[in-house]
N, C-alpha and C. Protein backbone atom coordinates (compact mmCIF):
# COMPACT_ATOMS: atom_id res chain seq x y z
N MET A 1 -2.21 12.11 -15.74
CA MET A 1 -1.88 11.42 -14.51
C MET A 1 -1.88 9.91 -14.75
N THR A 2 -0.86 9.24 -14.25
CA THR A 2 -0.74 7.80 -14.42
C THR A 2 -1.69 7.09 -13.46
N PRO A 3 -2.46 6.14 -13.96
CA PRO A 3 -3.37 5.42 -13.06
C PRO A 3 -2.59 4.56 -12.06
N PRO A 4 -3.16 4.36 -10.87
CA PRO A 4 -2.50 3.54 -9.84
C PRO A 4 -2.33 2.10 -10.33
N LYS A 5 -1.19 1.50 -9.96
CA LYS A 5 -0.88 0.14 -10.40
C LYS A 5 -1.38 -0.89 -9.39
N VAL A 6 -2.15 -1.84 -9.93
CA VAL A 6 -2.69 -2.94 -9.14
C VAL A 6 -2.26 -4.24 -9.80
N LEU A 7 -1.67 -5.14 -9.03
CA LEU A 7 -1.28 -6.45 -9.54
C LEU A 7 -2.42 -7.43 -9.31
N TYR A 8 -2.75 -8.20 -10.34
CA TYR A 8 -3.77 -9.24 -10.21
C TYR A 8 -3.18 -10.57 -10.66
N LEU A 9 -3.18 -11.54 -9.75
CA LEU A 9 -2.68 -12.89 -10.01
C LEU A 9 -3.85 -13.86 -10.10
N ASP A 10 -3.93 -14.57 -11.21
CA ASP A 10 -4.96 -15.59 -11.38
C ASP A 10 -4.43 -16.59 -12.40
N ASP A 11 -4.69 -17.87 -12.19
CA ASP A 11 -4.20 -18.89 -13.11
C ASP A 11 -5.10 -19.07 -14.33
N GLU A 12 -6.19 -18.31 -14.41
CA GLU A 12 -7.07 -18.37 -15.57
C GLU A 12 -6.97 -17.07 -16.36
N PHE A 13 -6.49 -17.19 -17.59
CA PHE A 13 -6.24 -16.04 -18.45
C PHE A 13 -7.48 -15.16 -18.62
N ILE A 14 -8.65 -15.79 -18.77
CA ILE A 14 -9.88 -15.02 -19.00
C ILE A 14 -10.18 -14.09 -17.83
N ASN A 15 -9.90 -14.53 -16.61
CA ASN A 15 -10.12 -13.68 -15.44
C ASN A 15 -9.17 -12.49 -15.44
N LEU A 16 -7.94 -12.71 -15.86
CA LEU A 16 -6.96 -11.62 -15.94
C LEU A 16 -7.44 -10.56 -16.92
N GLU A 17 -7.87 -11.01 -18.08
CA GLU A 17 -8.33 -10.08 -19.11
C GLU A 17 -9.59 -9.33 -18.68
N LEU A 18 -10.49 -10.05 -18.04
CA LEU A 18 -11.74 -9.44 -17.58
C LEU A 18 -11.48 -8.30 -16.61
N LEU A 19 -10.60 -8.53 -15.64
CA LEU A 19 -10.31 -7.48 -14.67
C LEU A 19 -9.62 -6.29 -15.33
N LYS A 20 -8.72 -6.57 -16.26
CA LYS A 20 -8.05 -5.49 -17.00
C LYS A 20 -9.05 -4.61 -17.73
N ILE A 21 -9.98 -5.25 -18.41
CA ILE A 21 -11.00 -4.51 -19.17
C ILE A 21 -11.93 -3.76 -18.21
N MET A 22 -12.35 -4.43 -17.16
CA MET A 22 -13.30 -3.86 -16.22
C MET A 22 -12.79 -2.57 -15.56
N PHE A 23 -11.48 -2.52 -15.28
CA PHE A 23 -10.92 -1.38 -14.57
C PHE A 23 -9.93 -0.58 -15.40
N SER A 24 -10.04 -0.66 -16.72
CA SER A 24 -9.06 -0.02 -17.59
C SER A 24 -9.02 1.50 -17.46
N HIS A 25 -10.09 2.10 -16.99
CA HIS A 25 -10.11 3.56 -16.86
C HIS A 25 -9.67 4.04 -15.48
N GLU A 26 -9.66 3.15 -14.50
CA GLU A 26 -9.33 3.54 -13.13
C GLU A 26 -7.94 3.14 -12.69
N PHE A 27 -7.49 1.96 -13.16
CA PHE A 27 -6.22 1.40 -12.68
C PHE A 27 -5.38 0.90 -13.83
N ASP A 28 -4.09 0.81 -13.57
CA ASP A 28 -3.18 0.10 -14.46
C ASP A 28 -3.09 -1.31 -13.89
N ILE A 29 -3.88 -2.23 -14.43
CA ILE A 29 -3.92 -3.60 -13.93
C ILE A 29 -2.76 -4.37 -14.56
N ILE A 30 -1.84 -4.78 -13.72
CA ILE A 30 -0.71 -5.59 -14.15
C ILE A 30 -1.08 -7.03 -13.80
N THR A 31 -0.99 -7.92 -14.76
CA THR A 31 -1.45 -9.29 -14.54
C THR A 31 -0.29 -10.28 -14.52
N ALA A 32 -0.54 -11.36 -13.78
CA ALA A 32 0.40 -12.48 -13.73
C ALA A 32 -0.42 -13.76 -13.69
N ILE A 33 0.03 -14.76 -14.42
CA ILE A 33 -0.71 -16.02 -14.48
C ILE A 33 -0.09 -17.09 -13.57
N THR A 34 1.11 -16.84 -13.06
CA THR A 34 1.74 -17.77 -12.11
C THR A 34 2.24 -16.98 -10.89
N PRO A 35 2.29 -17.63 -9.74
CA PRO A 35 2.81 -16.95 -8.56
C PRO A 35 4.26 -16.47 -8.72
N SER A 36 5.09 -17.24 -9.40
CA SER A 36 6.48 -16.81 -9.57
C SER A 36 6.57 -15.55 -10.42
N GLU A 37 5.75 -15.46 -11.45
CA GLU A 37 5.69 -14.24 -12.27
C GLU A 37 5.21 -13.06 -11.42
N ALA A 38 4.21 -13.29 -10.60
CA ALA A 38 3.67 -12.23 -9.74
C ALA A 38 4.71 -11.77 -8.71
N LEU A 39 5.45 -12.69 -8.14
CA LEU A 39 6.48 -12.32 -7.16
C LEU A 39 7.57 -11.47 -7.81
N GLN A 40 7.90 -11.79 -9.05
CA GLN A 40 8.88 -10.97 -9.78
C GLN A 40 8.34 -9.56 -9.98
N ILE A 41 7.08 -9.44 -10.29
CA ILE A 41 6.46 -8.12 -10.47
C ILE A 41 6.47 -7.34 -9.16
N VAL A 42 6.14 -8.00 -8.07
CA VAL A 42 6.17 -7.34 -6.75
C VAL A 42 7.58 -6.82 -6.48
N HIS A 43 8.56 -7.63 -6.81
CA HIS A 43 9.96 -7.26 -6.58
C HIS A 43 10.41 -6.07 -7.44
N THR A 44 9.91 -5.99 -8.66
CA THR A 44 10.40 -4.98 -9.60
C THR A 44 9.48 -3.77 -9.75
N THR A 45 8.34 -3.78 -9.06
CA THR A 45 7.36 -2.70 -9.20
C THR A 45 7.02 -2.13 -7.82
N PRO A 46 7.86 -1.25 -7.32
CA PRO A 46 7.65 -0.74 -5.95
C PRO A 46 6.44 0.19 -5.80
N ASP A 47 5.90 0.68 -6.92
CA ASP A 47 4.78 1.62 -6.83
C ASP A 47 3.40 0.95 -6.96
N LEU A 48 3.33 -0.35 -6.71
CA LEU A 48 2.03 -1.02 -6.66
C LEU A 48 1.23 -0.45 -5.49
N VAL A 49 -0.07 -0.25 -5.68
CA VAL A 49 -0.91 0.25 -4.59
C VAL A 49 -1.75 -0.87 -3.97
N ALA A 50 -1.87 -2.01 -4.66
CA ALA A 50 -2.63 -3.13 -4.14
C ALA A 50 -2.30 -4.39 -4.93
N ILE A 51 -2.55 -5.54 -4.28
CA ILE A 51 -2.37 -6.82 -4.94
C ILE A 51 -3.61 -7.66 -4.68
N ILE A 52 -4.16 -8.19 -5.77
CA ILE A 52 -5.32 -9.08 -5.71
C ILE A 52 -4.87 -10.44 -6.23
N THR A 53 -5.24 -11.49 -5.51
CA THR A 53 -4.86 -12.83 -5.95
C THR A 53 -6.05 -13.78 -5.89
N ASP A 54 -6.05 -14.72 -6.81
CA ASP A 54 -6.99 -15.83 -6.76
C ASP A 54 -6.57 -16.70 -5.57
N MET A 55 -7.46 -17.52 -5.07
CA MET A 55 -7.12 -18.37 -3.93
C MET A 55 -6.60 -19.72 -4.37
N LYS A 56 -7.33 -20.38 -5.26
CA LYS A 56 -6.96 -21.76 -5.65
C LYS A 56 -6.23 -21.74 -6.97
N MET A 57 -4.93 -22.05 -6.89
CA MET A 57 -4.09 -22.10 -8.09
C MET A 57 -3.23 -23.35 -8.02
N PRO A 58 -2.73 -23.84 -9.15
CA PRO A 58 -1.97 -25.10 -9.14
C PRO A 58 -0.66 -25.06 -8.34
N GLN A 59 0.13 -23.98 -8.47
CA GLN A 59 1.45 -23.98 -7.84
C GLN A 59 1.41 -23.69 -6.34
N MET A 60 0.55 -22.78 -5.93
CA MET A 60 0.40 -22.44 -4.52
C MET A 60 -0.92 -21.71 -4.34
N SER A 61 -1.37 -21.67 -3.10
CA SER A 61 -2.62 -20.98 -2.83
C SER A 61 -2.39 -19.47 -2.81
N GLY A 62 -3.48 -18.73 -2.85
CA GLY A 62 -3.37 -17.28 -2.74
C GLY A 62 -2.74 -16.85 -1.43
N LEU A 63 -3.06 -17.55 -0.35
CA LEU A 63 -2.46 -17.23 0.95
C LEU A 63 -0.96 -17.49 0.96
N GLN A 64 -0.54 -18.59 0.35
CA GLN A 64 0.90 -18.87 0.26
C GLN A 64 1.60 -17.78 -0.55
N PHE A 65 0.97 -17.36 -1.65
CA PHE A 65 1.54 -16.28 -2.44
C PHE A 65 1.66 -15.00 -1.61
N ILE A 66 0.61 -14.66 -0.89
CA ILE A 66 0.63 -13.44 -0.08
C ILE A 66 1.75 -13.50 0.97
N GLU A 67 1.95 -14.65 1.59
CA GLU A 67 3.03 -14.80 2.56
C GLU A 67 4.37 -14.46 1.93
N LYS A 68 4.61 -14.96 0.73
CA LYS A 68 5.88 -14.69 0.03
C LYS A 68 5.97 -13.24 -0.44
N ALA A 69 4.88 -12.72 -0.96
CA ALA A 69 4.88 -11.34 -1.47
C ALA A 69 5.09 -10.33 -0.34
N ARG A 70 4.52 -10.61 0.82
CA ARG A 70 4.68 -9.69 1.96
C ARG A 70 6.13 -9.59 2.43
N LEU A 71 6.92 -10.62 2.15
CA LEU A 71 8.35 -10.55 2.47
C LEU A 71 9.04 -9.51 1.59
N ILE A 72 8.48 -9.26 0.42
CA ILE A 72 9.02 -8.25 -0.50
C ILE A 72 8.40 -6.89 -0.22
N ASN A 73 7.09 -6.86 -0.03
CA ASN A 73 6.39 -5.59 0.22
C ASN A 73 5.21 -5.83 1.15
N ASP A 74 5.36 -5.40 2.39
CA ASP A 74 4.28 -5.57 3.36
C ASP A 74 3.56 -4.25 3.65
N GLN A 75 3.79 -3.25 2.82
CA GLN A 75 3.22 -1.92 3.03
C GLN A 75 1.94 -1.68 2.25
N ILE A 76 1.54 -2.62 1.42
CA ILE A 76 0.35 -2.42 0.60
C ILE A 76 -0.72 -3.44 0.97
N PRO A 77 -1.97 -3.16 0.67
CA PRO A 77 -3.03 -4.11 0.98
C PRO A 77 -3.08 -5.28 -0.01
N TYR A 78 -3.39 -6.44 0.54
CA TYR A 78 -3.55 -7.66 -0.24
C TYR A 78 -5.01 -8.11 -0.17
N TYR A 79 -5.54 -8.56 -1.30
CA TYR A 79 -6.93 -8.98 -1.40
C TYR A 79 -6.99 -10.35 -2.07
N ILE A 80 -8.01 -11.11 -1.73
CA ILE A 80 -8.27 -12.38 -2.40
C ILE A 80 -9.57 -12.24 -3.18
N LEU A 81 -9.56 -12.72 -4.40
CA LEU A 81 -10.74 -12.75 -5.26
C LEU A 81 -10.95 -14.21 -5.65
N SER A 82 -12.05 -14.80 -5.18
CA SER A 82 -12.24 -16.24 -5.39
C SER A 82 -13.70 -16.60 -5.49
N GLY A 83 -13.97 -17.72 -6.09
CA GLY A 83 -15.32 -18.24 -6.19
C GLY A 83 -15.67 -19.19 -5.06
N TYR A 84 -14.74 -19.40 -4.14
CA TYR A 84 -14.96 -20.33 -3.04
C TYR A 84 -15.29 -19.59 -1.76
N ASP A 85 -15.89 -20.30 -0.83
CA ASP A 85 -16.23 -19.70 0.46
C ASP A 85 -14.97 -19.48 1.30
N ILE A 86 -15.12 -18.62 2.28
CA ILE A 86 -14.02 -18.33 3.21
C ILE A 86 -13.86 -19.52 4.15
N ASP A 87 -12.65 -20.08 4.19
CA ASP A 87 -12.38 -21.18 5.12
C ASP A 87 -11.66 -20.63 6.37
N ASN A 88 -11.28 -21.51 7.27
CA ASN A 88 -10.66 -21.08 8.53
C ASN A 88 -9.34 -20.34 8.31
N LYS A 89 -8.52 -20.82 7.38
CA LYS A 89 -7.23 -20.16 7.12
C LYS A 89 -7.43 -18.74 6.57
N ILE A 90 -8.37 -18.60 5.67
CA ILE A 90 -8.65 -17.28 5.10
C ILE A 90 -9.22 -16.36 6.18
N GLN A 91 -10.13 -16.87 7.00
CA GLN A 91 -10.70 -16.06 8.06
C GLN A 91 -9.61 -15.59 9.04
N GLU A 92 -8.69 -16.46 9.34
CA GLU A 92 -7.58 -16.09 10.23
C GLU A 92 -6.72 -15.00 9.59
N ALA A 93 -6.46 -15.12 8.30
CA ALA A 93 -5.67 -14.10 7.58
C ALA A 93 -6.42 -12.77 7.56
N LEU A 94 -7.73 -12.81 7.42
CA LEU A 94 -8.54 -11.59 7.47
C LEU A 94 -8.50 -10.98 8.87
N ASP A 95 -8.65 -11.81 9.89
CA ASP A 95 -8.64 -11.34 11.27
C ASP A 95 -7.30 -10.70 11.64
N GLN A 96 -6.22 -11.24 11.09
CA GLN A 96 -4.88 -10.73 11.39
C GLN A 96 -4.47 -9.60 10.44
N GLN A 97 -5.38 -9.19 9.56
CA GLN A 97 -5.12 -8.12 8.58
C GLN A 97 -4.01 -8.47 7.59
N ILE A 98 -3.74 -9.75 7.40
CA ILE A 98 -2.81 -10.19 6.36
C ILE A 98 -3.49 -10.01 5.01
N VAL A 99 -4.76 -10.34 4.98
CA VAL A 99 -5.62 -10.10 3.82
C VAL A 99 -6.60 -9.00 4.21
N LYS A 100 -6.63 -7.95 3.41
CA LYS A 100 -7.47 -6.80 3.72
C LYS A 100 -8.96 -7.11 3.51
N GLN A 101 -9.26 -7.81 2.40
CA GLN A 101 -10.66 -8.14 2.11
C GLN A 101 -10.72 -9.33 1.16
N TYR A 102 -11.84 -10.03 1.23
CA TYR A 102 -12.11 -11.18 0.38
C TYR A 102 -13.23 -10.81 -0.58
N PHE A 103 -12.96 -10.86 -1.87
CA PHE A 103 -13.97 -10.58 -2.89
C PHE A 103 -14.42 -11.90 -3.51
N TYR A 104 -15.71 -12.01 -3.77
CA TYR A 104 -16.25 -13.22 -4.39
C TYR A 104 -16.36 -13.05 -5.90
N LYS A 105 -16.09 -14.16 -6.61
CA LYS A 105 -16.37 -14.25 -8.03
C LYS A 105 -17.80 -14.74 -8.17
N PRO A 106 -18.58 -14.28 -9.12
CA PRO A 106 -18.19 -13.26 -10.09
C PRO A 106 -18.02 -11.90 -9.41
N ILE A 107 -17.09 -11.15 -9.95
CA ILE A 107 -16.67 -9.90 -9.35
C ILE A 107 -17.78 -8.85 -9.34
N ASN A 108 -17.89 -8.16 -8.23
CA ASN A 108 -18.78 -7.01 -8.13
C ASN A 108 -17.92 -5.78 -8.34
N ARG A 109 -18.01 -5.20 -9.52
CA ARG A 109 -17.13 -4.10 -9.92
C ARG A 109 -17.16 -2.95 -8.92
N GLU A 110 -18.35 -2.55 -8.52
CA GLU A 110 -18.49 -1.40 -7.64
C GLU A 110 -17.83 -1.66 -6.28
N THR A 111 -18.01 -2.85 -5.74
CA THR A 111 -17.40 -3.19 -4.45
C THR A 111 -15.89 -3.14 -4.53
N VAL A 112 -15.33 -3.74 -5.55
CA VAL A 112 -13.87 -3.76 -5.70
C VAL A 112 -13.34 -2.34 -5.90
N GLN A 113 -13.97 -1.58 -6.78
CA GLN A 113 -13.51 -0.21 -7.04
C GLN A 113 -13.58 0.64 -5.77
N ASN A 114 -14.70 0.57 -5.06
CA ASN A 114 -14.84 1.37 -3.83
C ASN A 114 -13.82 0.96 -2.77
N THR A 115 -13.62 -0.33 -2.63
CA THR A 115 -12.65 -0.82 -1.65
C THR A 115 -11.25 -0.36 -1.98
N LEU A 116 -10.84 -0.55 -3.22
CA LEU A 116 -9.49 -0.13 -3.61
C LEU A 116 -9.33 1.38 -3.46
N THR A 117 -10.34 2.12 -3.83
CA THR A 117 -10.27 3.57 -3.72
C THR A 117 -10.11 3.99 -2.26
N ASN A 118 -10.91 3.41 -1.39
CA ASN A 118 -10.86 3.78 0.03
C ASN A 118 -9.60 3.26 0.72
N ASP A 119 -9.25 2.01 0.49
CA ASP A 119 -8.11 1.42 1.19
C ASP A 119 -6.76 1.97 0.73
N CYS A 120 -6.70 2.35 -0.52
CA CYS A 120 -5.42 2.80 -1.07
C CYS A 120 -5.34 4.31 -1.15
N SER A 121 -6.34 4.99 -0.61
CA SER A 121 -6.39 6.45 -0.66
C SER A 121 -6.22 6.97 -2.07
N LEU A 122 -6.91 6.32 -2.99
CA LEU A 122 -6.80 6.68 -4.39
C LEU A 122 -7.86 7.68 -4.77
N LYS A 123 -7.52 8.56 -5.66
CA LYS A 123 -8.48 9.50 -6.23
C LYS A 123 -8.77 9.03 -7.64
N ILE A 124 -9.98 8.55 -7.87
CA ILE A 124 -10.36 8.05 -9.19
C ILE A 124 -11.38 9.01 -9.76
N SER A 125 -11.07 9.52 -10.94
CA SER A 125 -12.01 10.45 -11.57
C SER A 125 -12.87 9.76 -12.59
């Protein structure tokens, strides 16, 4: 069985690799280091089950990326993974269900796995 595909956008390569390693048995983690690369993946990968993005990146914020990505696919859950506190814009996005959940860095593996499993109706063995 093919593992569910999850896109992870982060401008720091080490974070991309860490998430790939951390969830290598549960998910097919597809990574992107720039928002434009991630948008191309969203456009060409219709079977994504979730998208996780960093919040603070040089080209655009995670919320700006989510706004653009939702124009391509608004049927899947979007998550933010960041080391910063939730600000008013993020809270508004959470309240409006634009962002499904906010995860803090350093990542709590169990929280992320349980959330993705529950929100995406995934069966992880």
